[in-house]
């Protein structure tokens, strides 16, 4: 996993997603304000802020992927050029249309958002590949007479021209809609990820990796594209008067599965804080209880620990199968409304975020059901682990007491020896 996440190409995608997260959070905040506007009509309409944050995130991704890959590859003098080339290729790939006189250009705005994630991914990776290949070539080898920025300008001519030529050839000469083509190629992946088995598999995989201390970020290069495209398609479907269909989104994962953080650890932490007999688990449970309410559970995973703890890893895996299965079935058969607005406010308290995601009280009932089931799954394993720690603490206390007694006996023997002498 370290080798995979340390790979410049994978790490570059992860860096790009992390780089755009602040804009996504801004979009989430605007979504929350739009919900409040339903109650308080005097609140201004902030839709345009959402449109120009989350609404154009694919354009940002197309810029950031080649930027960060060049940075990871130590080609530091071409990071900005690579980013600009990636953004330019993306704009070509989403099939712009020009007026007859060429004075105006039009784009389909929805293509800038989540539905364009895979297109941005391909545009960014292709740009980074070409830029890196040509980074080993220079017109001015061993020539210190010219300023560095002049050298960068000329050395970027060939790769940037080649990148844009590819986009020009497909879009303006062959009249191919690369956006539609690329999404069609990824459609089997997105369709399988949105299926019952795909949702369960990807959720379990995240839980499984996390139980070994590996963050689910290793899955984000693929999974994040599925999530944002899914929620964007849901929004489009609802706007067109249809029902949302995509369940595999970050909103669903945060609101109904990752209760207390990935692994659904809230029930475990509650038991640690109020039911544990071992001093270790009581102290850790009390310490991490508040962060867990806000779905932050790294202290639990690495402090209890759950990671690399055979007893505690097993219930985490079980929850990684049961919880997504129940959630998918409940939403697929209409028992709970599927979220249709991008709202990645997973850091709100448990329950509050769940309700905000779909404004459906039935969703709260599903969350409570999942919370109870997750806690019941944790319970027997928690008891076994707590009992082991109690025995260890008792043995440690006994050893400490024995050591103290032996030291006291030894001191008494020395005193007796001195008196005898």
Protein backbone atom coordinates (compact mmCIF):
# COMPACT_ATOMS: atom_id res chain seq x y z
CA UNK A 1 0.00 0.00 0.00
CA UNK A 2 2.88 2.36 0.76
CA UNK A 3 4.31 1.67 -2.69
CA UNK A 4 0.95 2.33 -4.33
CA UNK A 5 0.19 5.54 -2.43
CA UNK A 6 3.79 6.68 -2.81
CA UNK A 7 3.63 6.33 -6.60
CA UNK A 8 3.82 9.81 -8.14
CA UNK A 9 0.87 9.20 -10.47
CA UNK A 10 -1.47 7.91 -7.76
CA UNK A 11 -0.25 10.43 -5.21
CA UNK A 12 -0.73 13.23 -7.76
CA UNK A 13 -4.41 12.34 -8.12
CA UNK A 14 -4.82 12.19 -4.34
CA UNK A 15 -3.11 15.58 -3.99
CA UNK A 16 -5.43 17.05 -6.62
CA UNK A 17 -8.53 15.81 -4.79
CA UNK A 18 -7.23 17.14 -1.49
CA UNK A 19 -6.36 20.42 -3.16
CA UNK A 20 -9.92 20.95 -4.36
CA UNK A 21 -11.59 19.87 -1.08
CA UNK A 22 -11.81 23.43 0.34
CA UNK A 23 -13.88 24.44 -2.69
CA UNK A 24 -16.07 21.37 -2.25
CA UNK A 25 -16.62 22.28 1.39
CA UNK A 26 -17.60 25.81 0.33
CA UNK A 27 -20.12 24.27 -2.05
CA UNK A 28 -21.42 22.09 0.83
CA UNK A 29 -21.87 25.17 3.01
CA UNK A 30 -23.84 26.89 0.25
CA UNK A 31 -26.04 23.81 -0.04
CA UNK A 32 -26.71 24.00 3.69
CA UNK A 33 -27.63 27.70 3.38
CA UNK A 34 -29.99 26.89 0.52
CA UNK A 35 -31.75 24.43 2.83
CA UNK A 36 -32.05 27.13 5.49
CA UNK A 37 -33.53 29.44 2.85
CA UNK A 38 -36.53 27.09 2.71
CA UNK A 39 -37.19 28.07 6.34
CA UNK A 40 -35.92 31.66 6.21
CA UNK A 41 -36.77 33.11 2.76
CA UNK A 42 -34.86 36.32 3.55
CA UNK A 43 -31.55 34.47 3.18
CA UNK A 44 -29.93 35.38 -0.18
CA UNK A 45 -29.65 32.78 -2.93
CA UNK A 46 -26.06 31.49 -2.87
CA UNK A 47 -26.49 29.03 -5.75
CA UNK A 48 -23.94 30.82 -7.91
CA UNK A 49 -21.26 30.36 -5.24
CA UNK A 50 -21.97 26.64 -5.30
CA UNK A 51 -21.84 26.69 -9.11
CA UNK A 52 -18.38 28.25 -9.12
CA UNK A 53 -16.93 26.04 -6.40
CA UNK A 54 -18.23 22.46 -6.56
CA UNK A 55 -19.87 23.24 -9.90
CA UNK A 56 -16.54 23.56 -11.75
CA UNK A 57 -14.44 21.14 -9.71
CA UNK A 58 -13.54 18.99 -12.75
CA UNK A 59 -11.77 21.96 -14.32
CA UNK A 60 -9.76 22.38 -11.13
CA UNK A 61 -8.91 18.68 -11.09
CA UNK A 62 -7.71 18.80 -14.71
CA UNK A 63 -5.32 21.59 -13.71
CA UNK A 64 -4.15 20.12 -10.40
CA UNK A 65 -3.40 16.53 -11.49
CA UNK A 66 -0.56 17.41 -13.93
CA UNK A 67 0.57 20.17 -11.56
CA UNK A 68 1.04 17.80 -8.63
CA UNK A 69 2.45 14.93 -10.72
CA UNK A 70 5.14 17.23 -12.09
CA UNK A 71 5.81 18.30 -8.53
CA UNK A 72 6.07 14.67 -7.37
CA UNK A 73 8.33 13.88 -10.32
CA UNK A 74 10.61 16.79 -9.33
CA UNK A 75 9.98 18.62 -12.62
CA UNK A 76 9.39 21.80 -10.67
CA UNK A 77 9.96 24.27 -13.51
CA UNK A 78 6.98 22.98 -15.52
CA UNK A 79 4.28 22.56 -12.86
CA UNK A 80 2.28 25.65 -13.84
CA UNK A 81 2.66 25.02 -17.58
CA UNK A 82 1.50 21.42 -17.12
CA UNK A 83 -1.50 22.53 -15.08
CA UNK A 84 -2.54 25.09 -17.67
CA UNK A 85 -2.15 22.55 -20.48
CA UNK A 86 -4.31 20.07 -18.54
CA UNK A 87 -7.06 22.67 -18.06
CA UNK A 88 -6.88 23.62 -21.77
CA UNK A 89 -7.17 19.98 -22.86
CA UNK A 90 -10.16 19.52 -20.55
CA UNK A 91 -11.93 22.52 -22.06
CA UNK A 92 -11.43 21.02 -25.51
CA UNK A 93 -12.57 17.56 -24.35
CA UNK A 94 -15.95 18.81 -23.07
CA UNK A 95 -16.85 19.71 -26.66
CA UNK A 96 -17.23 23.50 -26.80
CA UNK A 97 -19.35 25.07 -29.52
CA UNK A 98 -18.48 28.26 -31.39
CA UNK A 99 -20.82 30.69 -33.09
CA UNK A 100 -20.70 30.99 -36.89
CA UNK A 101 -18.52 34.10 -36.72
CA UNK A 102 -16.29 32.57 -34.01
CA UNK A 103 -16.99 35.47 -31.65
CA UNK A 104 -18.61 33.44 -28.88
CA UNK A 105 -18.03 30.04 -27.33
CA UNK A 106 -20.52 27.97 -25.31
CA UNK A 107 -20.11 25.04 -22.95
CA UNK A 108 -22.56 22.72 -21.27
CA UNK A 109 -22.12 23.94 -17.70
CA UNK A 110 -22.93 20.60 -16.08
CA UNK A 111 -19.83 19.12 -17.72
CA UNK A 112 -17.63 21.22 -15.44
CA UNK A 113 -19.03 19.52 -12.32
CA UNK A 114 -18.94 16.04 -10.87
CA UNK A 115 -20.02 14.30 -14.08
CA UNK A 116 -16.73 15.40 -15.63
CA UNK A 117 -14.47 13.82 -13.02
CA UNK A 118 -13.29 10.91 -15.16
CA UNK A 119 -12.73 13.21 -18.14
CA UNK A 120 -10.62 15.49 -15.91
CA UNK A 121 -8.73 12.43 -14.67
CA UNK A 122 -7.84 11.28 -18.19
CA UNK A 123 -6.99 14.80 -19.38
CA UNK A 124 -4.78 15.40 -16.36
CA UNK A 125 -2.95 12.09 -16.57
CA UNK A 126 -2.39 12.36 -20.33
CA UNK A 127 -1.04 15.89 -19.93
CA UNK A 128 1.26 14.83 -17.11
CA UNK A 129 2.55 11.88 -19.13
CA UNK A 130 3.45 13.99 -22.16
CA UNK A 131 4.98 16.76 -20.07
CA UNK A 132 7.09 14.29 -18.09
CA UNK A 133 8.34 12.47 -21.20
CA UNK A 134 9.50 15.74 -22.73
CA UNK A 135 10.95 17.04 -19.46
CA UNK A 136 14.09 15.04 -20.30
CA UNK A 137 14.54 17.01 -23.52
CA UNK A 138 15.85 20.58 -23.80
CA UNK A 139 16.77 22.86 -26.67
CA UNK A 140 19.42 24.50 -24.51
CA UNK A 141 21.53 21.80 -22.90
CA UNK A 142 24.52 23.08 -20.96
CA UNK A 143 23.67 26.66 -21.86
CA UNK A 144 23.67 29.06 -18.92
CA UNK A 145 23.46 32.22 -21.00
CA UNK A 146 19.63 32.31 -21.12
CA UNK A 147 17.33 32.96 -18.15
CA UNK A 148 15.63 29.84 -16.80
CA UNK A 149 12.12 31.04 -17.69
CA UNK A 150 13.13 31.44 -21.34
CA UNK A 151 14.41 27.85 -21.38
CA UNK A 152 11.13 26.64 -19.84
CA UNK A 153 9.13 28.54 -22.46
CA UNK A 154 10.88 26.92 -25.41
CA UNK A 155 11.17 23.46 -23.84
CA UNK A 156 7.40 23.47 -23.25
CA UNK A 157 6.54 24.24 -26.86
CA UNK A 158 6.63 20.68 -28.17
CA UNK A 159 4.75 18.88 -25.34
CA UNK A 160 2.06 21.57 -24.99
CA UNK A 161 1.56 21.65 -28.76
CA UNK A 162 1.28 17.86 -28.86
CA UNK A 163 -1.27 17.83 -26.00
CA UNK A 164 -3.48 20.42 -27.67
CA UNK A 165 -3.08 18.79 -31.08
CA UNK A 166 -4.58 15.58 -29.71
CA UNK A 167 -7.59 17.48 -28.37
CA UNK A 168 -7.90 19.46 -31.63
CA UNK A 169 -7.75 16.30 -33.75
CA UNK A 170 -10.51 14.43 -31.91
CA UNK A 171 -12.81 17.36 -31.18
CA UNK A 172 -12.52 19.73 -34.12
CA UNK A 173 -11.35 17.46 -36.96
CA UNK A 174 -12.99 14.12 -36.22
CA UNK A 175 -15.94 15.83 -34.45
CA UNK A 176 -15.77 13.33 -31.58
CA UNK A 177 -17.24 14.21 -28.20
CA UNK A 178 -14.41 13.04 -25.91
CA UNK A 179 -16.53 13.79 -22.86
CA UNK A 180 -19.21 11.33 -23.92
CA UNK A 181 -16.65 8.79 -25.12
CA UNK A 182 -14.62 8.75 -21.90
CA UNK A 183 -17.72 8.57 -19.69
CA UNK A 184 -18.97 5.68 -21.83
CA UNK A 185 -15.70 3.84 -21.23
CA UNK A 186 -16.07 4.34 -17.47
CA UNK A 187 -19.78 3.52 -17.45
CA UNK A 188 -19.27 -0.18 -16.56
CA UNK A 189 -17.21 0.91 -13.54
CA UNK A 190 -19.73 3.48 -12.33
CA UNK A 191 -22.65 1.14 -12.98
CA UNK A 192 -21.04 -1.69 -11.03
CA UNK A 193 -20.08 0.68 -8.20
CA UNK A 194 -23.70 1.83 -7.92
CA UNK A 195 -25.01 -1.75 -7.83
CA UNK A 196 -25.70 -3.63 -4.59
CA UNK A 197 -22.57 -5.75 -4.79
CA UNK A 198 -20.42 -2.84 -5.96
CA UNK A 199 -21.55 -0.64 -3.08
CA UNK A 200 -20.91 -3.39 -0.54
CA UNK A 201 -17.55 -4.26 -2.11
CA UNK A 202 -16.16 -0.72 -2.17
CA UNK A 203 -17.39 -0.02 1.36
CA UNK A 204 -15.89 -3.24 2.67
CA UNK A 205 -12.62 -2.49 0.90
CA UNK A 206 -12.39 0.88 2.67
CA UNK A 207 -13.07 -0.74 6.07
CA UNK A 208 -10.61 -3.54 5.31
CA UNK A 209 -7.74 -1.22 4.39
CA UNK A 210 -8.45 1.03 7.37
CA UNK A 211 -8.28 -1.96 9.72
CA UNK A 212 -4.63 -2.24 8.65
CA UNK A 213 -4.08 1.45 9.26
CA UNK A 214 -4.27 2.31 5.57
CA UNK A 215 -6.48 5.31 4.84
CA UNK A 216 -9.31 4.93 2.34
CA UNK A 217 -7.52 7.66 0.36
CA UNK A 218 -5.88 4.83 -1.59
CA UNK A 219 -9.31 4.22 -3.18
CA UNK A 220 -10.14 7.86 -3.85
CA UNK A 221 -8.60 8.11 -7.35
CA UNK A 222 -11.44 5.83 -8.48
CA UNK A 223 -14.06 6.11 -5.73
CA UNK A 224 -14.20 9.89 -5.59
CA UNK A 225 -15.05 10.00 -9.28
CA UNK A 226 -17.92 7.60 -8.65
CA UNK A 227 -19.15 9.64 -5.66
CA UNK A 228 -19.20 13.11 -7.19
CA UNK A 229 -20.55 11.87 -10.51
CA UNK A 230 -23.26 9.95 -8.68
CA UNK A 231 -24.47 12.90 -6.60
CA UNK A 232 -24.35 15.21 -9.63
CA UNK A 233 -26.46 12.77 -11.65
CA UNK A 234 -28.91 12.54 -8.75
CA UNK A 235 -29.26 16.32 -8.72
CA UNK A 236 -29.84 16.36 -12.48
CA UNK A 237 -32.44 13.59 -12.25
CA UNK A 238 -34.39 15.35 -9.50
CA UNK A 239 -34.21 18.67 -11.38
CA UNK A 240 -35.72 16.90 -14.39
CA UNK A 241 -38.57 15.54 -12.28
CA UNK A 242 -37.20 12.01 -11.83
CA UNK A 243 -36.13 10.12 -8.71
CA UNK A 244 -32.48 9.92 -7.64
CA UNK A 245 -30.95 6.49 -8.26
CA UNK A 246 -27.26 6.60 -7.27
CA UNK A 247 -26.67 5.31 -3.74
CA UNK A 248 -22.88 5.04 -3.77
CA UNK A 249 -22.08 8.64 -2.82
CA UNK A 250 -20.07 10.26 -0.06
CA UNK A 251 -23.30 11.63 1.42
CA UNK A 252 -24.70 8.12 1.93
CA UNK A 253 -21.41 6.80 3.31
CA UNK A 254 -21.12 9.69 5.79
CA UNK A 255 -24.76 9.75 6.86
CA UNK A 256 -25.58 6.07 7.29
CA UNK A 257 -22.42 3.94 7.30
CA UNK A 258 -19.40 5.76 8.73
CA UNK A 259 -21.13 6.47 12.04
CA UNK A 260 -18.39 7.84 14.24
CA UNK A 261 -15.91 7.61 11.38
CA UNK A 262 -14.98 4.93 8.88
CA UNK A 263 -15.60 1.58 10.52
CA UNK A 264 -18.76 2.74 12.33
CA UNK A 265 -16.88 3.05 15.62
CA UNK A 266 -19.34 5.20 17.60
CA UNK A 267 -20.89 2.21 19.38
CA UNK A 268 -17.45 0.83 20.18
CA UNK A 269 -16.29 4.14 21.67
CA UNK A 270 -19.49 4.46 23.72
CA UNK A 271 -18.91 1.01 25.22
CA UNK A 272 -15.26 1.81 25.86
CA UNK A 273 -16.17 5.00 27.73
CA UNK A 274 -19.05 3.64 29.84
CA UNK A 275 -18.85 -0.17 29.94
CA UNK A 276 -15.16 -1.07 29.84
CA UNK A 277 -13.64 -2.65 32.94
CA UNK A 278 -10.07 -2.08 31.81
CA UNK A 279 -8.54 1.26 32.70
CA UNK A 280 -6.95 1.59 29.26
CA UNK A 281 -10.20 1.35 27.30
CA UNK A 282 -12.09 3.60 29.74
CA UNK A 283 -9.49 6.35 29.42
CA UNK A 284 -9.27 6.08 25.62
CA UNK A 285 -13.07 5.92 25.27
CA UNK A 286 -13.60 9.02 27.38
CA UNK A 287 -10.88 10.88 25.51
CA UNK A 288 -12.11 10.15 21.98
CA UNK A 289 -15.87 10.29 22.62
CA UNK A 290 -16.34 13.91 21.51
CA UNK A 291 -14.23 13.58 18.30
CA UNK A 292 -16.16 10.41 17.48
CA UNK A 293 -19.49 12.27 17.68
CA UNK A 294 -18.09 14.46 14.90
CA UNK A 295 -17.00 11.37 12.90
CA UNK A 296 -13.28 11.72 13.64
CA UNK A 297 -11.96 8.33 14.70
CA UNK A 298 -8.23 8.15 13.96
CA UNK A 299 -7.52 8.27 17.73
CA UNK A 300 -9.80 5.26 18.17
CA UNK A 301 -8.39 3.25 15.27
CA UNK A 302 -4.78 3.74 16.37
CA UNK A 303 -5.31 4.24 20.11
CA UNK A 304 -7.58 1.37 21.16
CA UNK A 305 -6.15 0.03 18.87
CA UNK A 306 -8.41 -1.39 16.17
CA UNK A 307 -5.75 -1.38 13.44
CA UNK A 308 -3.65 -4.56 13.43
CA UNK A 309 -5.67 -5.90 16.37
CA UNK A 310 -7.03 -9.29 15.21
CA UNK A 311 -9.89 -9.24 17.71
CA UNK A 312 -11.13 -5.77 16.74
CA UNK A 313 -10.47 -6.02 13.01
CA UNK A 314 -13.04 -8.77 12.52
CA UNK A 315 -16.13 -6.79 13.67
CA UNK A 316 -14.94 -3.87 11.54
CA UNK A 317 -14.96 -6.14 8.48
CA UNK A 318 -18.41 -7.51 9.40
CA UNK A 319 -19.83 -3.98 9.66
CA UNK A 320 -18.23 -3.22 6.28
CA UNK A 321 -20.59 -5.80 4.77
CA UNK A 322 -23.78 -5.55 6.83
CA UNK A 323 -24.19 -1.75 6.99
CA UNK A 324 -23.87 -1.00 3.25
CA UNK A 325 -26.14 -3.96 2.45
CA UNK A 326 -28.93 -2.69 4.73
CA UNK A 327 -28.50 0.91 3.56
CA UNK A 328 -28.54 0.06 -0.15
CA UNK A 329 -31.65 -2.11 0.16
CA UNK A 330 -33.51 0.52 2.22
CA UNK A 331 -32.77 3.27 -0.30
CA UNK A 332 -33.16 1.17 -3.43
CA UNK A 333 -36.67 0.07 -2.44
CA UNK A 334 -37.76 3.60 -1.52
CA UNK A 335 -37.90 3.19 2.25
CA UNK A 336 -35.46 6.11 2.64
CA UNK A 337 -34.91 9.04 0.27
CA UNK A 338 -31.65 8.93 -1.71
CA UNK A 339 -29.64 12.16 -1.25
CA UNK A 340 -29.67 14.37 -4.34
CA UNK A 341 -27.62 17.40 -3.24
CA UNK A 342 -23.86 17.60 -2.88
CA UNK A 343 -23.32 18.13 0.84
CA UNK A 344 -20.05 16.72 2.14
CA UNK A 345 -20.48 18.02 5.67
CA UNK A 346 -19.53 14.70 7.26
CA UNK A 347 -17.95 16.54 10.19
CA UNK A 348 -21.33 17.56 11.64
CA UNK A 349 -22.54 15.55 14.68
CA UNK A 350 -24.01 12.11 14.03
CA UNK A 351 -27.70 12.45 13.23
CA UNK A 352 -27.52 16.12 12.27
CA UNK A 353 -25.53 15.40 9.13
CA UNK A 354 -27.76 12.41 8.32
CA UNK A 355 -30.92 14.51 8.36
CA UNK A 356 -29.36 17.34 6.35
CA UNK A 357 -28.31 14.94 3.60
CA UNK A 358 -31.89 14.05 2.60
CA UNK A 359 -34.32 15.87 4.96
CA UNK A 360 -36.09 12.57 5.54
CA UNK A 361 -36.98 11.49 9.09
CA UNK A 362 -37.01 7.89 7.87
CA UNK A 363 -33.29 8.37 7.26
CA UNK A 364 -32.80 9.02 10.98
CA UNK A 365 -34.56 5.73 11.76
CA UNK A 366 -32.27 3.90 9.33
CA UNK A 367 -29.24 5.56 10.92
CA UNK A 368 -30.38 4.47 14.40
CA UNK A 369 -30.92 0.92 13.12
CA UNK A 370 -27.43 0.85 11.59
CA UNK A 371 -25.97 2.27 14.80
CA UNK A 372 -27.62 -0.45 16.91
CA UNK A 373 -26.53 -3.22 14.54
CA UNK A 374 -22.95 -1.92 14.39
CA UNK A 375 -22.81 -1.74 18.20
CA UNK A 376 -24.15 -5.29 18.54
CA UNK A 377 -21.49 -6.50 16.10
CA UNK A 378 -18.76 -4.74 18.11
CA UNK A 379 -20.07 -5.93 21.51
CA UNK A 380 -18.80 -9.56 21.84
CA UNK A 381 -15.39 -8.66 20.41
CA UNK A 382 -15.19 -5.63 22.70
CA UNK A 383 -15.94 -7.86 25.69
CA UNK A 384 -13.20 -10.32 24.78
CA UNK A 385 -10.64 -7.56 24.23
CA UNK A 386 -11.68 -5.75 27.43
CA UNK A 387 -11.31 -9.01 29.41
CA UNK A 388 -7.82 -9.55 27.98
CA UNK A 389 -6.78 -6.03 28.96
CA UNK A 390 -8.19 -6.48 32.47
CA UNK A 391 -6.10 -9.62 32.89
CA UNK A 392 -3.00 -7.85 31.58
CA UNK A 393 -3.55 -4.89 33.87
CA UNK A 394 -4.06 -7.24 36.84
CA UNK A 395 -0.90 -9.18 35.97
CA UNK A 396 1.04 -5.96 35.60
CA UNK A 397 -0.25 -4.67 38.96
CA UNK A 398 0.62 -7.99 40.61
CA UNK A 399 4.12 -7.94 39.13
CA UNK A 400 4.60 -4.38 40.32
CA UNK A 401 3.38 -5.29 43.81
CA UNK A 402 5.60 -8.37 43.88
CA UNK A 403 8.60 -6.32 42.84
CA UNK A 404 7.86 -3.79 45.58
CA UNK A 405 7.47 -6.60 48.17
CA UNK A 406 10.73 -8.25 47.13
CA UNK A 407 12.49 -4.94 47.40
CA UNK A 408 11.05 -4.45 50.91
CA UNK A 409 12.12 -7.99 51.98
CA UNK A 410 15.61 -7.40 50.61
CA UNK A 411 15.86 -4.15 52.57
CA UNK A 412 14.67 -5.90 55.76
CA UNK A 413 17.27 -8.65 55.30
CA UNK A 414 20.02 -6.06 54.95
CA UNK A 415 18.87 -4.31 58.10
CA UNK A 416 18.85 -7.63 60.01
CA UNK A 417 22.33 -8.43 58.77
CA UNK A 418 23.61 -5.08 59.99
CA UNK A 419 22.05 -5.61 63.47
CA UNK A 420 23.54 -9.10 63.69
CA UNK A 421 26.97 -7.76 62.85
